[in-house]
Amino acid sequence: MDRFEALARLTGAQVAHLATVRPDGRPHLVPITFAVVGGNLVTAVDHKPKTTQDLQRLKNIEINPNVSVLVDHYDEDWNRLWWVRVDGRAEIRPGDKTAVAALTEKYPQYRERHLEGLVIVISPDRVASWEARGAS
C-alpha cells in the first residue's frame, strides 16, 4: 500500500496499540484510542477504569520517548489483512487542547465525559505498512 493509503487507514482506525520500552528493556504494549493532528498521533489518559493514574506507559516515555503505534485489520479472508505502524518519539503534555478537541470529535464517548488528563503526542519518524493483497 502506498503512504497515502496507509495514512488513510491509520486515521480511520478506532483503536491502536502503543508500544513503549520499560526501563529494563522489555516492551510494554497497551491498546489506545487516538487521533491524528497535524501529522502527529495523539492519545490521552482518560476516565476509563485503571488501577492507577501512575501508568507504566507514562513512566516509560519519560525515560525513553521512542515508541511504536500499530493499527491492524484482521479478516477471515487473509487476502484482506493489513497493518500500519508508526515509529516515533512521544512527549507527555498536560491538557493539550488541540489534541483533546481531536479526540472528542473522533470519539463521542469523550463528549459525555470530558478529557482532563495527560496527553501523549507522538511525532512520527517512520511509517511502515503491509497488506496481504498482492503479497505472495
Foldseek 3Di string as FASTA:
>chain_A
DDPVVLVVVVQPDQKKKKWFAAPVGDIDIDIFGWHADPQKIKTFDFDDDDPDPPDRRVVRLVVPQWMKIKDWDDDPPQQFTKMKMFIFGKDKAFPPPVRQVRSCVVDVVCVVPPGGGIMIITRGPDMDMDGNNVPD
